[in-house]
Amino acid sequence: MLNRLGLRLMARSCNFDRQEKLILAMELFWQQGFAETSISDLVGHLGINRFSLYNSFGD
């Protein structure tokens, strides 16, 4: 990816432990049920933003 000056941009490194967030998400699913857990619930419980959630775990 290039910025507006044509210089290559480096991707930011992940500032959290993906495995830890996965465990927290599973705990939330167990507590609330998968169908009852929203993206907003996950973002709040995991303490990460939506972009990080989708970037780390996909759709």
N, C-alpha and C. Protein backbone atom coordinates (compact mmCIF):
# COMPACT_ATOMS: atom_id res chain seq x y z
N MET A 1 0.85 -1.17 0.00
CA MET A 1 0.00 0.00 0.00
C MET A 1 0.90 1.24 0.00
N LEU A 2 0.49 2.26 -0.75
CA LEU A 2 1.28 3.48 -0.84
C LEU A 2 0.49 4.66 -0.27
N ASN A 3 1.21 5.60 0.33
CA ASN A 3 0.55 6.81 0.81
C ASN A 3 0.43 7.81 -0.33
N ARG A 4 -0.06 9.01 -0.03
CA ARG A 4 -0.29 10.00 -1.10
C ARG A 4 1.00 10.49 -1.75
N LEU A 5 2.14 10.27 -1.10
CA LEU A 5 3.43 10.66 -1.67
C LEU A 5 4.08 9.50 -2.43
N GLY A 6 3.40 8.38 -2.50
CA GLY A 6 3.93 7.23 -3.21
C GLY A 6 4.90 6.40 -2.40
N LEU A 7 4.96 6.65 -1.08
CA LEU A 7 5.84 5.87 -0.22
C LEU A 7 5.09 4.67 0.34
N ARG A 8 5.79 3.57 0.45
CA ARG A 8 5.16 2.35 0.95
C ARG A 8 4.81 2.52 2.43
N LEU A 9 3.57 2.13 2.77
CA LEU A 9 3.12 2.16 4.16
C LEU A 9 3.34 0.79 4.78
N MET A 10 3.75 0.79 6.02
CA MET A 10 3.90 -0.46 6.74
C MET A 10 2.66 -0.68 7.59
N ALA A 11 2.18 -1.90 7.62
CA ALA A 11 1.01 -2.23 8.44
C ALA A 11 1.40 -2.11 9.91
N ARG A 12 0.45 -1.63 10.70
CA ARG A 12 0.69 -1.55 12.14
C ARG A 12 0.69 -2.94 12.73
N SER A 13 1.53 -3.14 13.71
CA SER A 13 1.55 -4.44 14.38
C SER A 13 0.38 -4.50 15.37
N CYS A 14 -0.02 -5.69 15.65
CA CYS A 14 -1.14 -5.91 16.57
C CYS A 14 -0.67 -5.62 18.00
N ASN A 15 -1.44 -4.82 18.73
CA ASN A 15 -1.06 -4.43 20.09
C ASN A 15 -1.78 -5.25 21.15
N PHE A 16 -2.32 -6.40 20.76
CA PHE A 16 -2.98 -7.26 21.73
C PHE A 16 -2.73 -8.72 21.38
N ASP A 17 -2.95 -9.56 22.36
CA ASP A 17 -2.77 -11.00 22.19
C ASP A 17 -4.04 -11.58 21.57
N ARG A 18 -3.93 -12.01 20.31
CA ARG A 18 -5.08 -12.52 19.58
C ARG A 18 -5.71 -13.72 20.30
N GLN A 19 -4.90 -14.61 20.83
CA GLN A 19 -5.40 -15.80 21.53
C GLN A 19 -6.19 -15.40 22.78
N GLU A 20 -5.69 -14.41 23.51
CA GLU A 20 -6.39 -13.92 24.71
C GLU A 20 -7.76 -13.35 24.34
N LYS A 21 -7.81 -12.57 23.27
CA LYS A 21 -9.09 -11.98 22.83
C LYS A 21 -10.06 -13.07 22.36
N LEU A 22 -9.53 -14.12 21.74
CA LEU A 22 -10.38 -15.22 21.30
C LEU A 22 -11.01 -15.93 22.50
N ILE A 23 -10.24 -16.14 23.54
CA ILE A 23 -10.76 -16.77 24.76
C ILE A 23 -11.83 -15.88 25.38
N LEU A 24 -11.58 -14.57 25.45
CA LEU A 24 -12.59 -13.65 25.99
C LEU A 24 -13.87 -13.67 25.17
N ALA A 25 -13.73 -13.73 23.85
CA ALA A 25 -14.91 -13.79 22.98
C ALA A 25 -15.69 -15.08 23.22
N MET A 26 -15.00 -16.19 23.34
CA MET A 26 -15.68 -17.47 23.60
C MET A 26 -16.43 -17.42 24.93
N GLU A 27 -15.82 -16.83 25.95
CA GLU A 27 -16.49 -16.70 27.24
C GLU A 27 -17.77 -15.87 27.12
N LEU A 28 -17.70 -14.79 26.35
CA LEU A 28 -18.88 -13.95 26.14
C LEU A 28 -19.97 -14.72 25.39
N PHE A 29 -19.60 -15.49 24.37
CA PHE A 29 -20.57 -16.31 23.65
C PHE A 29 -21.22 -17.33 24.58
N TRP A 30 -20.43 -17.93 25.47
CA TRP A 30 -20.99 -18.90 26.41
C TRP A 30 -21.97 -18.23 27.38
N GLN A 31 -21.65 -17.01 27.81
CA GLN A 31 -22.51 -16.30 28.76
C GLN A 31 -23.82 -15.85 28.12
N GLN A 32 -23.74 -15.27 26.92
CA GLN A 32 -24.90 -14.64 26.29
C GLN A 32 -25.54 -15.48 25.20
N GLY A 33 -24.81 -16.45 24.69
CA GLY A 33 -25.24 -17.22 23.53
C GLY A 33 -24.73 -16.53 22.27
N PHE A 34 -24.38 -17.34 21.28
CA PHE A 34 -23.81 -16.80 20.05
C PHE A 34 -24.77 -15.85 19.35
N ALA A 35 -26.02 -16.27 19.22
CA ALA A 35 -27.02 -15.49 18.48
C ALA A 35 -27.37 -14.18 19.19
N GLU A 36 -27.16 -14.12 20.49
CA GLU A 36 -27.51 -12.92 21.26
C GLU A 36 -26.35 -11.96 21.45
N THR A 37 -25.17 -12.31 20.95
CA THR A 37 -23.98 -11.48 21.12
C THR A 37 -23.77 -10.62 19.88
N SER A 38 -23.76 -9.31 20.07
CA SER A 38 -23.59 -8.37 18.95
C SER A 38 -22.12 -7.98 18.81
N ILE A 39 -21.82 -7.36 17.70
CA ILE A 39 -20.47 -6.83 17.49
C ILE A 39 -20.15 -5.79 18.56
N SER A 40 -21.13 -4.97 18.91
CA SER A 40 -20.93 -3.98 19.97
C SER A 40 -20.60 -4.65 21.29
N ASP A 41 -21.26 -5.77 21.59
CA ASP A 41 -20.94 -6.53 22.80
C ASP A 41 -19.49 -7.00 22.77
N LEU A 42 -19.08 -7.55 21.63
CA LEU A 42 -17.71 -8.05 21.50
C LEU A 42 -16.69 -6.93 21.65
N VAL A 43 -16.93 -5.82 20.96
CA VAL A 43 -16.00 -4.69 21.03
C VAL A 43 -15.85 -4.20 22.47
N GLY A 44 -16.96 -4.08 23.17
CA GLY A 44 -16.91 -3.63 24.56
C GLY A 44 -16.21 -4.61 25.47
N HIS A 45 -16.51 -5.89 25.30
CA HIS A 45 -15.95 -6.93 26.17
C HIS A 45 -14.46 -7.15 25.90
N LEU A 46 -14.07 -7.07 24.63
CA LEU A 46 -12.68 -7.33 24.27
C LEU A 46 -11.78 -6.11 24.43
N GLY A 47 -12.38 -4.91 24.43
CA GLY A 47 -11.59 -3.70 24.57
C GLY A 47 -10.80 -3.34 23.33
N ILE A 48 -11.31 -3.77 22.15
CA ILE A 48 -10.68 -3.41 20.89
C ILE A 48 -11.73 -2.77 19.99
N ASN A 49 -11.30 -2.07 18.94
CA ASN A 49 -12.28 -1.43 18.06
C ASN A 49 -12.75 -2.41 16.97
N ARG A 50 -13.79 -2.02 16.25
CA ARG A 50 -14.37 -2.88 15.21
C ARG A 50 -13.35 -3.25 14.13
N PHE A 51 -12.55 -2.29 13.72
CA PHE A 51 -11.55 -2.56 12.69
C PHE A 51 -10.60 -3.67 13.14
N SER A 52 -10.12 -3.58 14.37
CA SER A 52 -9.21 -4.60 14.89
C SER A 52 -9.89 -5.95 14.98
N LEU A 53 -11.15 -5.95 15.37
CA LEU A 53 -11.91 -7.19 15.46
C LEU A 53 -12.02 -7.86 14.09
N TYR A 54 -12.46 -7.11 13.08
CA TYR A 54 -12.60 -7.66 11.74
C TYR A 54 -11.24 -7.99 11.12
N ASN A 55 -10.24 -7.16 11.37
CA ASN A 55 -8.92 -7.41 10.82
C ASN A 55 -8.29 -8.67 11.39
N SER A 56 -8.55 -8.94 12.67
CA SER A 56 -7.95 -10.10 13.33
C SER A 56 -8.71 -11.40 13.08
N PHE A 57 -10.05 -11.31 13.00
CA PHE A 57 -10.86 -12.52 12.95
C PHE A 57 -11.74 -12.64 11.71
N GLY A 58 -11.79 -11.63 10.88
CA GLY A 58 -12.59 -11.70 9.65
C GLY A 58 -14.08 -11.49 9.90
N ASP A 59 -14.86 -11.75 8.86
CA ASP A 59 -16.32 -11.57 8.95
C ASP A 59 -16.97 -12.73 9.66
